[in-house]
Amino acid sequence: MKRKTIKTVGLSAVAVCAIVLFILLGFQVKRHYAEKAQREQQELQLQTIPHIALSTADSLPVNLGDLCATGQPMVIFYYHPGCELCQSEFGELLRLKELPRNALPVFVTFASQSEVAVLEKTYPISTIDSAVLLFDHKFVFPSQLGILTTPETFVYNGDGQLAKHFRGFVMINDLLQVLQEL
């Protein structure tokens, strides 16, 4: 009798563990597919210039998507002033003074204006021809587009379609090549 009880308790424990594992596996699969759907949605949003509300240094509202109305290519640099890779990119960009094919350089950051002012002393990115500096104080840009780190660079053609997305540091020659191909 004792053996039968021990055997029944043992089998019940194994069954409970199996059910719990099955439930946990179900949650993992569900989470995986939800994350995959979110990544696909973010990639879809990147295919055209995103319509995201940002602001200028003067706190004037700017819709990022409205900047593409000019029909010229656009390069969006997502950066943070304390990012050393971003600073390296800016050093290279400043040697150019302007982007080829009349591309509009747009710099987007979630940093404060005082942090950007400190960066501007060493890397005056606002002196790049036609440069637009925008602030994302609500952290909308990275959350909508799935950006996890800086720098990230997005190159859009004159029709507002994504030509190239660079994650991390981008070599200026690679950026110039993409712009030449537009």
C-alpha atoms as a PDB file:
ATOM      1  CA  MET A   1       0.000   0.000   0.000  1.00  0.00           C
ATOM      2  CA  LYS A   2       2.792   2.402   0.903  1.00  0.00           C
ATOM      3  CA  ARG A   3       4.544   1.710  -2.394  1.00  0.00           C
ATOM      4  CA  LYS A   4       1.397   2.425  -4.326  1.00  0.00           C
ATOM      5  CA  THR A   5       0.924   5.734  -2.482  1.00  0.00           C
ATOM      6  CA  ILE A   6       4.560   6.754  -2.993  1.00  0.00           C
ATOM      7  CA  LYS A   7       4.308   5.797  -6.651  1.00  0.00           C
ATOM      8  CA  THR A   8       1.086   7.800  -7.068  1.00  0.00           C
ATOM      9  CA  VAL A   9       2.564  10.839  -5.307  1.00  0.00           C
ATOM     10  CA  GLY A  10       5.713  10.588  -7.430  1.00  0.00           C
ATOM     11  CA  LEU A  11       3.759  10.356 -10.673  1.00  0.00           C
ATOM     12  CA  SER A  12       1.546  13.253  -9.596  1.00  0.00           C
ATOM     13  CA  ALA A  13       4.606  15.391  -8.874  1.00  0.00           C
ATOM     14  CA  VAL A  14       6.079  14.538 -12.282  1.00  0.00           C
ATOM     15  CA  ALA A  15       2.764  15.374 -13.951  1.00  0.00           C
ATOM     16  CA  VAL A  16       2.538  18.728 -12.138  1.00  0.00           C
ATOM     17  CA  CYS A  17       6.133  19.559 -13.133  1.00  0.00           C
ATOM     18  CA  ALA A  18       5.390  18.618 -16.752  1.00  0.00           C
ATOM     19  CA  ILE A  19       2.276  20.826 -16.784  1.00  0.00           C
ATOM     20  CA  VAL A  20       4.191  23.747 -15.269  1.00  0.00           C
ATOM     21  CA  LEU A  21       6.993  23.330 -17.824  1.00  0.00           C
ATOM     22  CA  PHE A  22       4.458  23.137 -20.638  1.00  0.00           C
ATOM     23  CA  ILE A  23       2.780  26.362 -19.434  1.00  0.00           C
ATOM     24  CA  LEU A  24       6.155  28.138 -19.133  1.00  0.00           C
ATOM     25  CA  LEU A  25       7.118  26.966 -22.609  1.00  0.00           C
ATOM     26  CA  GLY A  26       3.821  28.334 -23.923  1.00  0.00           C
ATOM     27  CA  PHE A  27       4.551  31.736 -22.385  1.00  0.00           C
ATOM     28  CA  GLN A  28       8.050  31.727 -23.915  1.00  0.00           C
ATOM     29  CA  VAL A  29       6.687  30.911 -27.376  1.00  0.00           C
ATOM     30  CA  LYS A  30       4.027  33.589 -27.049  1.00  0.00           C
ATOM     31  CA  ARG A  31       6.627  36.170 -25.957  1.00  0.00           C
ATOM     32  CA  HIS A  32       8.942  35.175 -28.814  1.00  0.00           C
ATOM     33  CA  TYR A  33       6.228  35.728 -31.417  1.00  0.00           C
ATOM     34  CA  ALA A  34       5.156  39.018 -29.814  1.00  0.00           C
ATOM     35  CA  GLU A  35       8.758  40.284 -29.896  1.00  0.00           C
ATOM     36  CA  LYS A  36       9.135  39.106 -33.487  1.00  0.00           C
ATOM     37  CA  ALA A  37       5.962  40.961 -34.494  1.00  0.00           C
ATOM     38  CA  GLN A  38       7.226  44.094 -32.741  1.00  0.00           C
ATOM     39  CA  ARG A  39      10.594  43.900 -34.554  1.00  0.00           C
ATOM     40  CA  GLU A  40       8.819  43.445 -37.890  1.00  0.00           C
ATOM     41  CA  GLN A  41       6.627  46.469 -37.150  1.00  0.00           C
ATOM     42  CA  GLN A  42       9.696  48.544 -36.263  1.00  0.00           C
ATOM     43  CA  GLU A  43      11.456  47.467 -39.461  1.00  0.00           C
ATOM     44  CA  LEU A  44       8.354  48.396 -41.423  1.00  0.00           C
ATOM     45  CA  GLN A  45       8.325  51.832 -39.787  1.00  0.00           C
ATOM     46  CA  LEU A  46      11.939  52.328 -40.843  1.00  0.00           C
ATOM     47  CA  GLN A  47      11.199  51.730 -44.523  1.00  0.00           C
ATOM     48  CA  THR A  48       9.987  55.322 -44.872  1.00  0.00           C
ATOM     49  CA  ILE A  49      11.006  58.380 -42.894  1.00  0.00           C
ATOM     50  CA  PRO A  50       9.117  58.016 -39.630  1.00  0.00           C
ATOM     51  CA  HIS A  51       6.591  60.677 -38.670  1.00  0.00           C
ATOM     52  CA  ILE A  52       7.809  61.362 -35.153  1.00  0.00           C
ATOM     53  CA  ALA A  53       7.254  64.579 -33.221  1.00  0.00           C
ATOM     54  CA  LEU A  54      10.562  66.069 -32.133  1.00  0.00           C
ATOM     55  CA  SER A  55      11.649  69.609 -31.232  1.00  0.00           C
ATOM     56  CA  THR A  56      14.314  72.120 -32.166  1.00  0.00           C
ATOM     57  CA  ALA A  57      16.694  73.772 -29.699  1.00  0.00           C
ATOM     58  CA  ASP A  58      14.106  76.570 -29.466  1.00  0.00           C
ATOM     59  CA  SER A  59      11.456  73.982 -28.436  1.00  0.00           C
ATOM     60  CA  LEU A  60       9.611  74.397 -31.730  1.00  0.00           C
ATOM     61  CA  PRO A  61       7.790  71.194 -32.752  1.00  0.00           C
ATOM     62  CA  VAL A  62       9.061  69.400 -35.842  1.00  0.00           C
ATOM     63  CA  ASN A  63       7.638  66.290 -37.450  1.00  0.00           C
ATOM     64  CA  LEU A  64      10.587  64.310 -38.749  1.00  0.00           C
ATOM     65  CA  GLY A  65       8.557  63.042 -41.705  1.00  0.00           C
ATOM     66  CA  ASP A  66       7.802  66.595 -42.837  1.00  0.00           C
ATOM     67  CA  LEU A  67      11.501  67.245 -43.460  1.00  0.00           C
ATOM     68  CA  CYS A  68      11.460  64.891 -46.450  1.00  0.00           C
ATOM     69  CA  ALA A  69       9.047  67.150 -48.341  1.00  0.00           C
ATOM     70  CA  THR A  70      12.031  68.803 -50.026  1.00  0.00           C
ATOM     71  CA  GLY A  71      12.660  65.716 -52.173  1.00  0.00           C
ATOM     72  CA  GLN A  72      16.319  65.630 -51.243  1.00  0.00           C
ATOM     73  CA  PRO A  73      18.034  62.630 -49.640  1.00  0.00           C
ATOM     74  CA  MET A  74      18.175  62.688 -45.854  1.00  0.00           C
ATOM     75  CA  VAL A  75      20.684  61.228 -43.425  1.00  0.00           C
ATOM     76  CA  ILE A  76      19.428  60.855 -39.865  1.00  0.00           C
ATOM     77  CA  PHE A  77      22.121  60.517 -37.225  1.00  0.00           C
ATOM     78  CA  TYR A  78      20.793  59.251 -33.893  1.00  0.00           C
ATOM     79  CA  TYR A  79      23.411  60.073 -31.292  1.00  0.00           C
ATOM     80  CA  HIS A  80      24.280  61.038 -27.736  1.00  0.00           C
ATOM     81  CA  PRO A  81      26.922  63.685 -26.963  1.00  0.00           C
ATOM     82  CA  GLY A  82      28.706  61.378 -24.501  1.00  0.00           C
ATOM     83  CA  CYS A  83      29.026  58.572 -27.043  1.00  0.00           C
ATOM     84  CA  GLU A  84      32.642  58.251 -28.190  1.00  0.00           C
ATOM     85  CA  LEU A  85      31.681  56.463 -31.405  1.00  0.00           C
ATOM     86  CA  CYS A  86      29.275  59.310 -32.205  1.00  0.00           C
ATOM     87  CA  GLN A  87      32.043  61.821 -31.607  1.00  0.00           C
ATOM     88  CA  SER A  88      34.339  59.906 -33.970  1.00  0.00           C
ATOM     89  CA  GLU A  89      31.654  60.010 -36.667  1.00  0.00           C
ATOM     90  CA  PHE A  90      31.210  63.749 -36.150  1.00  0.00           C
ATOM     91  CA  GLY A  91      34.936  64.336 -36.511  1.00  0.00           C
ATOM     92  CA  GLU A  92      34.802  62.637 -39.902  1.00  0.00           C
ATOM     93  CA  LEU A  93      31.631  64.482 -40.931  1.00  0.00           C
ATOM     94  CA  LEU A  94      33.111  67.852 -40.034  1.00  0.00           C
ATOM     95  CA  ARG A  95      35.956  67.249 -42.480  1.00  0.00           C
ATOM     96  CA  LEU A  96      33.368  66.993 -45.272  1.00  0.00           C
ATOM     97  CA  LYS A  97      31.518  70.235 -44.388  1.00  0.00           C
ATOM     98  CA  GLU A  98      28.546  69.028 -46.465  1.00  0.00           C
ATOM     99  CA  LEU A  99      27.051  65.766 -47.610  1.00  0.00           C
ATOM    100  CA  PRO A 100      27.052  64.850 -51.314  1.00  0.00           C
ATOM    101  CA  ARG A 101      23.933  64.867 -53.481  1.00  0.00           C
ATOM    102  CA  ASN A 102      22.599  67.767 -51.426  1.00  0.00           C
ATOM    103  CA  ALA A 103      21.589  65.327 -48.658  1.00  0.00           C
ATOM    104  CA  LEU A 104      19.998  66.863 -45.584  1.00  0.00           C
ATOM    105  CA  PRO A 105      21.874  65.919 -42.387  1.00  0.00           C
ATOM    106  CA  VAL A 106      19.491  65.531 -39.431  1.00  0.00           C
ATOM    107  CA  PHE A 107      20.905  64.970 -35.963  1.00  0.00           C
ATOM    108  CA  VAL A 108      18.507  63.483 -33.393  1.00  0.00           C
ATOM    109  CA  THR A 109      19.338  63.113 -29.714  1.00  0.00           C
ATOM    110  CA  PHE A 110      17.587  62.501 -26.418  1.00  0.00           C
ATOM    111  CA  ALA A 111      20.280  64.482 -24.578  1.00  0.00           C
ATOM    112  CA  SER A 112      19.725  67.849 -22.973  1.00  0.00           C
ATOM    113  CA  GLN A 113      20.555  71.076 -24.750  1.00  0.00           C
ATOM    114  CA  SER A 114      23.390  71.728 -22.310  1.00  0.00           C
ATOM    115  CA  GLU A 115      24.973  68.361 -23.180  1.00  0.00           C
ATOM    116  CA  VAL A 116      24.716  69.180 -26.889  1.00  0.00           C
ATOM    117  CA  ALA A 117      26.230  72.629 -26.252  1.00  0.00           C
ATOM    118  CA  VAL A 118      29.269  70.964 -24.662  1.00  0.00           C
ATOM    119  CA  LEU A 119      29.586  68.631 -27.674  1.00  0.00           C
ATOM    120  CA  GLU A 120      29.292  71.588 -30.076  1.00  0.00           C
ATOM    121  CA  LYS A 121      32.429  73.158 -28.582  1.00  0.00           C
ATOM    122  CA  THR A 122      34.538  70.239 -29.804  1.00  0.00           C
ATOM    123  CA  TYR A 123      32.383  68.948 -32.661  1.00  0.00           C
ATOM    124  CA  PRO A 124      30.337  71.844 -34.085  1.00  0.00           C
ATOM    125  CA  ILE A 125      27.942  69.649 -36.066  1.00  0.00           C
ATOM    126  CA  SER A 126      25.542  72.547 -36.514  1.00  0.00           C
ATOM    127  CA  THR A 127      28.092  74.106 -38.897  1.00  0.00           C
ATOM    128  CA  ILE A 128      27.651  71.264 -41.395  1.00  0.00           C
ATOM    129  CA  ASP A 129      25.806  72.705 -44.385  1.00  0.00           C
ATOM    130  CA  SER A 130      21.992  72.487 -43.923  1.00  0.00           C
ATOM    131  CA  ALA A 131      22.313  70.569 -40.645  1.00  0.00           C
ATOM    132  CA  VAL A 132      19.143  70.159 -38.577  1.00  0.00           C
ATOM    133  CA  LEU A 133      19.500  69.439 -34.845  1.00  0.00           C
ATOM    134  CA  LEU A 134      16.461  67.880 -33.200  1.00  0.00           C
ATOM    135  CA  PHE A 135      15.713  66.806 -29.648  1.00  0.00           C
ATOM    136  CA  ASP A 136      13.698  63.797 -28.529  1.00  0.00           C
ATOM    137  CA  HIS A 137      12.965  64.621 -24.904  1.00  0.00           C
ATOM    138  CA  LYS A 138      10.142  62.059 -24.758  1.00  0.00           C
ATOM    139  CA  PHE A 139      12.393  59.221 -25.985  1.00  0.00           C
ATOM    140  CA  VAL A 140       9.939  58.421 -28.796  1.00  0.00           C
ATOM    141  CA  PHE A 141      12.475  57.894 -31.592  1.00  0.00           C
ATOM    142  CA  PRO A 142      14.262  54.872 -30.092  1.00  0.00           C
ATOM    143  CA  SER A 143      11.165  53.303 -28.580  1.00  0.00           C
ATOM    144  CA  GLN A 144       9.188  53.390 -31.838  1.00  0.00           C
ATOM    145  CA  LEU A 145      12.086  52.225 -33.981  1.00  0.00           C
ATOM    146  CA  GLY A 146      13.635  49.672 -31.644  1.00  0.00           C
ATOM    147  CA  ILE A 147      16.938  51.491 -31.247  1.00  0.00           C
ATOM    148  CA  LEU A 148      18.969  50.133 -28.367  1.00  0.00           C
ATOM    149  CA  THR A 149      22.182  52.124 -28.562  1.00  0.00           C
ATOM    150  CA  THR A 150      23.949  55.008 -30.256  1.00  0.00           C
ATOM    151  CA  PRO A 151      25.062  55.748 -32.880  1.00  0.00           C
ATOM    152  CA  GLU A 152      22.597  54.686 -35.546  1.00  0.00           C
ATOM    153  CA  THR A 153      22.437  56.226 -38.997  1.00  0.00           C
ATOM    154  CA  PHE A 154      19.564  56.081 -41.472  1.00  0.00           C
ATOM    155  CA  VAL A 155      19.952  57.094 -45.121  1.00  0.00           C
ATOM    156  CA  TYR A 156      16.740  57.897 -47.006  1.00  0.00           C
ATOM    157  CA  ASN A 157      16.425  58.705 -50.696  1.00  0.00           C
ATOM    158  CA  GLY A 158      14.588  61.760 -52.015  1.00  0.00           C
ATOM    159  CA  ASP A 159      11.294  59.849 -51.960  1.00  0.00           C
ATOM    160  CA  GLY A 160      11.673  59.152 -48.244  1.00  0.00           C
ATOM    161  CA  GLN A 161      12.464  55.444 -48.725  1.00  0.00           C
ATOM    162  CA  LEU A 162      15.147  53.802 -46.597  1.00  0.00           C
ATOM    163  CA  ALA A 163      18.320  53.217 -48.605  1.00  0.00           C
ATOM    164  CA  LYS A 164      20.574  52.018 -45.777  1.00  0.00           C
ATOM    165  CA  HIS A 165      20.482  51.581 -42.000  1.00  0.00           C
ATOM    166  CA  PHE A 166      23.796  51.532 -40.160  1.00  0.00           C
ATOM    167  CA  ARG A 167      23.887  50.220 -36.590  1.00  0.00           C
ATOM    168  CA  GLY A 168      26.870  51.467 -34.617  1.00  0.00           C
ATOM    169  CA  PHE A 169      29.799  53.418 -36.014  1.00  0.00           C
ATOM    170  CA  VAL A 170      29.628  54.063 -39.738  1.00  0.00           C
ATOM    171  CA  MET A 171      32.711  54.666 -41.834  1.00  0.00           C
ATOM    172  CA  ILE A 172      32.293  57.908 -43.732  1.00  0.00           C
ATOM    173  CA  ASN A 173      33.362  56.226 -46.973  1.00  0.00           C
ATOM    174  CA  ASP A 174      30.502  53.725 -46.568  1.00  0.00           C
ATOM    175  CA  LEU A 175      28.058  56.579 -46.003  1.00  0.00           C
ATOM    176  CA  LEU A 176      29.387  58.481 -49.012  1.00  0.00           C
ATOM    177  CA  GLN A 177      29.087  55.366 -51.187  1.00  0.00           C
ATOM    178  CA  VAL A 178      25.420  54.919 -50.255  1.00  0.00           C
ATOM    179  CA  LEU A 179      24.724  58.589 -50.979  1.00  0.00           C
ATOM    180  CA  GLN A 180      26.490  58.382 -54.353  1.00  0.00           C
ATOM    181  CA  GLU A 181      24.300  55.401 -55.312  1.00  0.00           C
ATOM    182  CA  LEU A 182      21.062  57.310 -54.683  1.00  0.00           C
END
